[in-house]
Amino acid sequence: VQAGGSLRLSCAASGRTSSSYTMGWFRQAPGK
């Protein structure tokens, strides 16, 4: 994506999910 643009990430959970759960996003850059 170009700087100043936009995009949307999605994450779908499947399998034996619980009735209530917290979700989050993390990131890791090279060497970090």
All heavy atoms as atom14 arrays in JSON, in Angstrom:
{
  "sequence": "VQAGGSLRLSCAASGRTSSSYTMGWFRQAPGK",
  "atom14_mask": [
    [1, 1, 1, 1, 1, 1, 1, 0, 0, 0, 0, 0, 0, 0],
    [1, 1, 1, 1, 1, 1, 1, 1, 1, 0, 0, 0, 0, 0],
    [1, 1, 1, 1, 1, 0, 0, 0, 0, 0, 0, 0, 0, 0],
    [1, 1, 1, 1, 0, 0, 0, 0, 0, 0, 0, 0, 0, 0],
    [1, 1, 1, 1, 0, 0, 0, 0, 0, 0, 0, 0, 0, 0],
    [1, 1, 1, 1, 1, 1, 0, 0, 0, 0, 0, 0, 0, 0],
    [1, 1, 1, 1, 1, 1, 1, 1, 0, 0, 0, 0, 0, 0],
    [1, 1, 1, 1, 1, 1, 1, 1, 1, 1, 1, 0, 0, 0],
    [1, 1, 1, 1, 1, 1, 1, 1, 0, 0, 0, 0, 0, 0],
    [1, 1, 1, 1, 1, 1, 0, 0, 0, 0, 0, 0, 0, 0],
    [1, 1, 1, 1, 1, 1, 0, 0, 0, 0, 0, 0, 0, 0],
    [1, 1, 1, 1, 1, 0, 0, 0, 0, 0, 0, 0, 0, 0],
    [1, 1, 1, 1, 1, 0, 0, 0, 0, 0, 0, 0, 0, 0],
    [1, 1, 1, 1, 1, 1, 0, 0, 0, 0, 0, 0, 0, 0],
    [1, 1, 1, 1, 0, 0, 0, 0, 0, 0, 0, 0, 0, 0],
    [1, 1, 1, 1, 1, 1, 1, 1, 1, 1, 1, 0, 0, 0],
    [1, 1, 1, 1, 1, 1, 1, 0, 0, 0, 0, 0, 0, 0],
    [1, 1, 1, 1, 1, 1, 0, 0, 0, 0, 0, 0, 0, 0],
    [1, 1, 1, 1, 1, 1, 0, 0, 0, 0, 0, 0, 0, 0],
    [1, 1, 1, 1, 1, 1, 0, 0, 0, 0, 0, 0, 0, 0],
    [1, 1, 1, 1, 1, 1, 1, 1, 1, 1, 1, 1, 0, 0],
    [1, 1, 1, 1, 1, 1, 1, 0, 0, 0, 0, 0, 0, 0],
    [1, 1, 1, 1, 1, 1, 1, 1, 0, 0, 0, 0, 0, 0],
    [1, 1, 1, 1, 0, 0, 0, 0, 0, 0, 0, 0, 0, 0],
    [1, 1, 1, 1, 1, 1, 1, 1, 1, 1, 1, 1, 1, 1],
    [1, 1, 1, 1, 1, 1, 1, 1, 1, 1, 1, 0, 0, 0],
    [1, 1, 1, 1, 1, 1, 1, 1, 1, 1, 1, 0, 0, 0],
    [1, 1, 1, 1, 1, 1, 1, 1, 1, 0, 0, 0, 0, 0],
    [1, 1, 1, 1, 1, 0, 0, 0, 0, 0, 0, 0, 0, 0],
    [1, 1, 1, 1, 1, 1, 1, 0, 0, 0, 0, 0, 0, 0],
    [1, 1, 1, 1, 0, 0, 0, 0, 0, 0, 0, 0, 0, 0],
    [1, 1, 1, 1, 1, 1, 1, 1, 1, 0, 0, 0, 0, 0]
  ],
  "atom14_positions": [
    [[0.84, -1.18, 0.0], [0.0, 0.0, 0.0], [0.88, 1.24, 0.0], [1.97, 1.24, 0.59], [-0.95, 0.01, 1.22], [-0.17, 0.07, 2.52], [-1.93, 1.18, 1.13], [0.0, 0.0, 0.0], [0.0, 0.0, 0.0], [0.0, 0.0, 0.0], [0.0, 0.0, 0.0], [0.0, 0.0, 0.0], [0.0, 0.0, 0.0], [0.0, 0.0, 0.0]],
    [[0.43, 2.28, -0.68], [1.18, 3.53, -0.72], [0.94, 4.34, 0.54], [-0.16, 4.34, 1.11], [0.76, 4.33, -1.95], [1.56, 5.6, -2.16], [1.2, 6.29, -3.47], [0.94, 5.63, -4.48], [1.19, 7.61, -3.45], [0.0, 0.0, 0.0], [0.0, 0.0, 0.0], [0.0, 0.0, 0.0], [0.0, 0.0, 0.0], [0.0, 0.0, 0.0]],
    [[1.97, 5.02, 1.02], [1.82, 5.88, 2.18], [0.69, 6.87, 1.95], [0.58, 7.48, 0.89], [3.12, 6.62, 2.46], [0.0, 0.0, 0.0], [0.0, 0.0, 0.0], [0.0, 0.0, 0.0], [0.0, 0.0, 0.0], [0.0, 0.0, 0.0], [0.0, 0.0, 0.0], [0.0, 0.0, 0.0], [0.0, 0.0, 0.0], [0.0, 0.0, 0.0]],
    [[-0.17, 7.02, 2.96], [-1.3, 7.91, 2.83], [-2.55, 7.25, 2.3], [-3.62, 7.86, 2.28], [0.0, 0.0, 0.0], [0.0, 0.0, 0.0], [0.0, 0.0, 0.0], [0.0, 0.0, 0.0], [0.0, 0.0, 0.0], [0.0, 0.0, 0.0], [0.0, 0.0, 0.0], [0.0, 0.0, 0.0], [0.0, 0.0, 0.0], [0.0, 0.0, 0.0]],
    [[-2.42, 6.0, 1.86], [-3.56, 5.25, 1.36], [-4.29, 4.57, 2.5], [-4.31, 5.06, 3.63], [0.0, 0.0, 0.0], [0.0, 0.0, 0.0], [0.0, 0.0, 0.0], [0.0, 0.0, 0.0], [0.0, 0.0, 0.0], [0.0, 0.0, 0.0], [0.0, 0.0, 0.0], [0.0, 0.0, 0.0], [0.0, 0.0, 0.0], [0.0, 0.0, 0.0]],
    [[-4.9, 3.44, 2.21], [-5.61, 2.69, 3.24], [-5.75, 1.24, 2.84], [-5.68, 0.89, 1.66], [-6.99, 3.3, 3.51], [-7.84, 3.14, 2.39], [0.0, 0.0, 0.0], [0.0, 0.0, 0.0], [0.0, 0.0, 0.0], [0.0, 0.0, 0.0], [0.0, 0.0, 0.0], [0.0, 0.0, 0.0], [0.0, 0.0, 0.0], [0.0, 0.0, 0.0]],
    [[-5.95, 0.39, 3.82], [-6.24, -1.01, 3.6], [-6.87, -1.58, 4.86], [-6.78, -0.99, 5.93], [-5.0, -1.81, 3.21], [-3.96, -2.17, 4.29], [-3.03, -3.26, 3.75], [-3.16, -0.95, 4.69], [0.0, 0.0, 0.0], [0.0, 0.0, 0.0], [0.0, 0.0, 0.0], [0.0, 0.0, 0.0], [0.0, 0.0, 0.0], [0.0, 0.0, 0.0]],
    [[-7.54, -2.72, 4.72], [-8.19, -3.35, 5.85], [-7.76, -4.8, 5.97], [-7.86, -5.57, 5.02], [-9.72, -3.29, 5.71], [-10.47, -3.79, 6.95], [-11.98, -3.72, 6.8], [-12.49, -4.72, 5.87], [-13.77, -5.04, 5.74], [-14.69, -4.41, 6.47], [-14.14, -5.95, 4.87], [0.0, 0.0, 0.0], [0.0, 0.0, 0.0], [0.0, 0.0, 0.0]],
    [[-7.27, -5.15, 7.15], [-6.91, -6.52, 7.46], [-8.09, -7.22, 8.1], [-8.85, -6.62, 8.86], [-5.71, -6.58, 8.4], [-4.44, -5.83, 7.99], [-3.34, -6.08, 9.01], [-4.0, -6.25, 6.6], [0.0, 0.0, 0.0], [0.0, 0.0, 0.0], [0.0, 0.0, 0.0], [0.0, 0.0, 0.0], [0.0, 0.0, 0.0], [0.0, 0.0, 0.0]],
    [[-8.26, -8.5, 7.8], [-9.32, -9.3, 8.39], [-8.72, -10.54, 9.03], [-7.69, -11.04, 8.58], [-10.34, -9.73, 7.34], [-10.96, -8.62, 6.73], [0.0, 0.0, 0.0], [0.0, 0.0, 0.0], [0.0, 0.0, 0.0], [0.0, 0.0, 0.0], [0.0, 0.0, 0.0], [0.0, 0.0, 0.0], [0.0, 0.0, 0.0], [0.0, 0.0, 0.0]],
    [[-9.36, -11.03, 10.07], [-8.94, -12.26, 10.73], [-10.18, -13.04, 11.13], [-10.95, -12.59, 11.97], [-8.08, -11.95, 11.96], [-7.6, -13.41, 12.9], [0.0, 0.0, 0.0], [0.0, 0.0, 0.0], [0.0, 0.0, 0.0], [0.0, 0.0, 0.0], [0.0, 0.0, 0.0], [0.0, 0.0, 0.0], [0.0, 0.0, 0.0], [0.0, 0.0, 0.0]],
    [[-10.35, -14.21, 10.54], [-11.51, -15.05, 10.81], [-11.14, -16.21, 11.72], [-10.16, -16.92, 11.46], [-12.1, -15.57, 9.51], [0.0, 0.0, 0.0], [0.0, 0.0, 0.0], [0.0, 0.0, 0.0], [0.0, 0.0, 0.0], [0.0, 0.0, 0.0], [0.0, 0.0, 0.0], [0.0, 0.0, 0.0], [0.0, 0.0, 0.0], [0.0, 0.0, 0.0]],
    [[-11.9, -16.4, 12.76], [-11.7, -17.51, 13.69], [-12.65, -18.64, 13.34], [-13.82, -18.42, 13.02], [-11.93, -17.06, 15.13], [0.0, 0.0, 0.0], [0.0, 0.0, 0.0], [0.0, 0.0, 0.0], [0.0, 0.0, 0.0], [0.0, 0.0, 0.0], [0.0, 0.0, 0.0], [0.0, 0.0, 0.0], [0.0, 0.0, 0.0], [0.0, 0.0, 0.0]],
    [[-12.14, -19.87, 13.41], [-12.98, -21.04, 13.13], [-12.6, -22.17, 14.07], [-11.59, -22.11, 14.76], [-12.83, -21.48, 11.67], [-11.5, -21.87, 11.39], [0.0, 0.0, 0.0], [0.0, 0.0, 0.0], [0.0, 0.0, 0.0], [0.0, 0.0, 0.0], [0.0, 0.0, 0.0], [0.0, 0.0, 0.0], [0.0, 0.0, 0.0], [0.0, 0.0, 0.0]],
    [[-13.41, -23.2, 14.08], [-13.17, -24.32, 14.97], [-13.99, -24.17, 16.25], [-15.08, -23.61, 16.23], [0.0, 0.0, 0.0], [0.0, 0.0, 0.0], [0.0, 0.0, 0.0], [0.0, 0.0, 0.0], [0.0, 0.0, 0.0], [0.0, 0.0, 0.0], [0.0, 0.0, 0.0], [0.0, 0.0, 0.0], [0.0, 0.0, 0.0], [0.0, 0.0, 0.0]],
    [[-13.43, -24.65, 17.34], [-14.14, -24.62, 18.61], [-13.89, -23.31, 19.34], [-13.11, -23.24, 20.31], [-13.72, -25.81, 19.48], [-14.66, -26.08, 20.64], [-14.25, -27.32, 21.43], [-15.18, -27.62, 22.5], [-15.17, -27.03, 23.69], [-14.28, -26.09, 23.96], [-16.07, -27.37, 24.61], [0.0, 0.0, 0.0], [0.0, 0.0, 0.0], [0.0, 0.0, 0.0]],
    [[-14.56, -22.26, 18.88], [-14.43, -20.95, 19.51], [-15.28, -20.88, 20.78], [-16.27, -21.6, 20.92], [-14.86, -19.83, 18.56], [-16.2, -20.05, 18.13], [-13.96, -19.8, 17.33], [0.0, 0.0, 0.0], [0.0, 0.0, 0.0], [0.0, 0.0, 0.0], [0.0, 0.0, 0.0], [0.0, 0.0, 0.0], [0.0, 0.0, 0.0], [0.0, 0.0, 0.0]],
    [[-14.9, -20.02, 21.7], [-15.65, -19.83, 22.92], [-16.8, -18.87, 22.67], [-16.89, -18.23, 21.63], [-14.75, -19.32, 24.04], [-14.22, -18.05, 23.71], [0.0, 0.0, 0.0], [0.0, 0.0, 0.0], [0.0, 0.0, 0.0], [0.0, 0.0, 0.0], [0.0, 0.0, 0.0], [0.0, 0.0, 0.0], [0.0, 0.0, 0.0], [0.0, 0.0, 0.0]],
    [[-17.68, -18.74, 23.65], [-18.83, -17.86, 23.5], [-18.47, -16.39, 23.64], [-19.22, -15.52, 23.19], [-19.91, -18.22, 24.53], [-19.41, -18.09, 25.85], [0.0, 0.0, 0.0], [0.0, 0.0, 0.0], [0.0, 0.0, 0.0], [0.0, 0.0, 0.0], [0.0, 0.0, 0.0], [0.0, 0.0, 0.0], [0.0, 0.0, 0.0], [0.0, 0.0, 0.0]],
    [[-17.33, -16.13, 24.26], [-16.88, -14.75, 24.46], [-15.36, -14.73, 24.48], [-14.75, -15.49, 25.24], [-17.45, -14.19, 25.77], [-17.01, -12.86, 25.98], [0.0, 0.0, 0.0], [0.0, 0.0, 0.0], [0.0, 0.0, 0.0], [0.0, 0.0, 0.0], [0.0, 0.0, 0.0], [0.0, 0.0, 0.0], [0.0, 0.0, 0.0], [0.0, 0.0, 0.0]],
    [[-14.76, -13.88, 23.67], [-13.3, -13.83, 23.62], [-12.79, -12.48, 23.13], [-13.41, -11.83, 22.3], [-12.74, -14.95, 22.73], [-13.3, -14.97, 21.32], [-12.62, -14.36, 20.28], [-14.5, -15.62, 21.04], [-13.12, -14.39, 18.98], [-15.01, -15.66, 19.75], [-14.32, -15.04, 18.73], [-14.82, -15.07, 17.44], [0.0, 0.0, 0.0], [0.0, 0.0, 0.0]],
    [[-11.65, -12.09, 23.67], [-10.97, -10.87, 23.27], [-10.06, -11.17, 22.08], [-9.46, -12.23, 22.0], [-10.14, -10.31, 24.44], [-11.02, -9.92, 25.5], [-9.31, -9.11, 24.01], [0.0, 0.0, 0.0], [0.0, 0.0, 0.0], [0.0, 0.0, 0.0], [0.0, 0.0, 0.0], [0.0, 0.0, 0.0], [0.0, 0.0, 0.0], [0.0, 0.0, 0.0]],
    [[-9.95, -10.22, 21.16], [-9.05, -10.39, 20.03], [-8.14, -9.17, 19.9], [-8.48, -8.08, 20.34], [-9.82, -10.61, 18.72], [-10.66, -11.88, 18.74], [-11.29, -12.35, 17.1], [-9.78, -12.97, 16.33], [0.0, 0.0, 0.0], [0.0, 0.0, 0.0], [0.0, 0.0, 0.0], [0.0, 0.0, 0.0], [0.0, 0.0, 0.0], [0.0, 0.0, 0.0]],
    [[-6.99, -9.38, 19.29], [-6.04, -8.29, 19.15], [-5.17, -8.43, 17.91], [-5.2, -9.46, 17.23], [0.0, 0.0, 0.0], [0.0, 0.0, 0.0], [0.0, 0.0, 0.0], [0.0, 0.0, 0.0], [0.0, 0.0, 0.0], [0.0, 0.0, 0.0], [0.0, 0.0, 0.0], [0.0, 0.0, 0.0], [0.0, 0.0, 0.0], [0.0, 0.0, 0.0]],
    [[-4.43, -7.37, 17.63], [-3.48, -7.34, 16.52], [-2.11, -6.97, 17.05], [-1.97, -6.06, 17.89], [-3.89, -6.33, 15.45], [-5.08, -6.72, 14.64], [-6.38, -6.38, 14.85], [-5.07, -7.54, 13.46], [-7.19, -6.93, 13.88], [-6.41, -7.65, 13.02], [-4.06, -8.19, 12.74], [-6.77, -8.39, 11.88], [-4.42, -8.93, 11.62], [-5.75, -9.02, 11.2]],
    [[-1.09, -7.67, 16.56], [0.31, -7.38, 16.86], [1.06, -7.27, 15.55], [0.59, -7.7, 14.51], [0.92, -8.48, 17.74], [0.38, -8.51, 19.15], [-0.87, -9.05, 19.42], [1.13, -8.0, 20.2], [-1.37, -9.08, 20.71], [0.63, -8.03, 21.5], [-0.61, -8.57, 21.75], [0.0, 0.0, 0.0], [0.0, 0.0, 0.0], [0.0, 0.0, 0.0]],
    [[2.27, -6.73, 15.6], [3.09, -6.65, 14.39], [4.56, -6.8, 14.74], [4.98, -6.53, 15.86], [2.85, -5.33, 13.64], [3.34, -4.09, 14.39], [2.94, -2.83, 13.65], [3.45, -1.63, 14.29], [3.15, -0.39, 13.91], [2.33, -0.19, 12.88], [3.67, 0.65, 14.55], [0.0, 0.0, 0.0], [0.0, 0.0, 0.0], [0.0, 0.0, 0.0]],
    [[5.33, -7.24, 13.76], [6.76, -7.42, 13.95], [7.49, -7.03, 12.68], [7.27, -7.61, 11.62], [7.09, -8.86, 14.33], [8.55, -9.07, 14.7], [8.8, -10.41, 15.37], [8.01, -11.35, 15.21], [9.88, -10.51, 16.12], [0.0, 0.0, 0.0], [0.0, 0.0, 0.0], [0.0, 0.0, 0.0], [0.0, 0.0, 0.0], [0.0, 0.0, 0.0]],
    [[8.36, -6.04, 12.79], [9.18, -5.59, 11.68], [10.53, -6.32, 11.73], [10.95, -6.79, 12.79], [9.39, -4.08, 11.75], [0.0, 0.0, 0.0], [0.0, 0.0, 0.0], [0.0, 0.0, 0.0], [0.0, 0.0, 0.0], [0.0, 0.0, 0.0], [0.0, 0.0, 0.0], [0.0, 0.0, 0.0], [0.0, 0.0, 0.0], [0.0, 0.0, 0.0]],
    [[11.23, -6.43, 10.59], [12.53, -7.11, 10.58], [13.49, -6.51, 11.6], [13.68, -5.3, 11.66], [13.02, -6.88, 9.15], [11.77, -6.72, 8.35], [10.83, -5.96, 9.25], [0.0, 0.0, 0.0], [0.0, 0.0, 0.0], [0.0, 0.0, 0.0], [0.0, 0.0, 0.0], [0.0, 0.0, 0.0], [0.0, 0.0, 0.0], [0.0, 0.0, 0.0]],
    [[14.09, -7.38, 12.41], [15.05, -6.94, 13.41], [14.43, -6.29, 14.63], [15.17, -5.81, 15.5], [0.0, 0.0, 0.0], [0.0, 0.0, 0.0], [0.0, 0.0, 0.0], [0.0, 0.0, 0.0], [0.0, 0.0, 0.0], [0.0, 0.0, 0.0], [0.0, 0.0, 0.0], [0.0, 0.0, 0.0], [0.0, 0.0, 0.0], [0.0, 0.0, 0.0]],
    [[13.11, -6.27, 14.71], [12.42, -5.65, 15.84], [11.63, -6.68, 16.62], [11.32, -7.77, 16.12], [11.48, -4.54, 15.36], [12.14, -3.46, 14.54], [13.1, -2.63, 15.37], [13.68, -1.49, 14.56], [14.61, -0.66, 15.36], [0.0, 0.0, 0.0], [0.0, 0.0, 0.0], [0.0, 0.0, 0.0], [0.0, 0.0, 0.0], [0.0, 0.0, 0.0]]
  ]
}
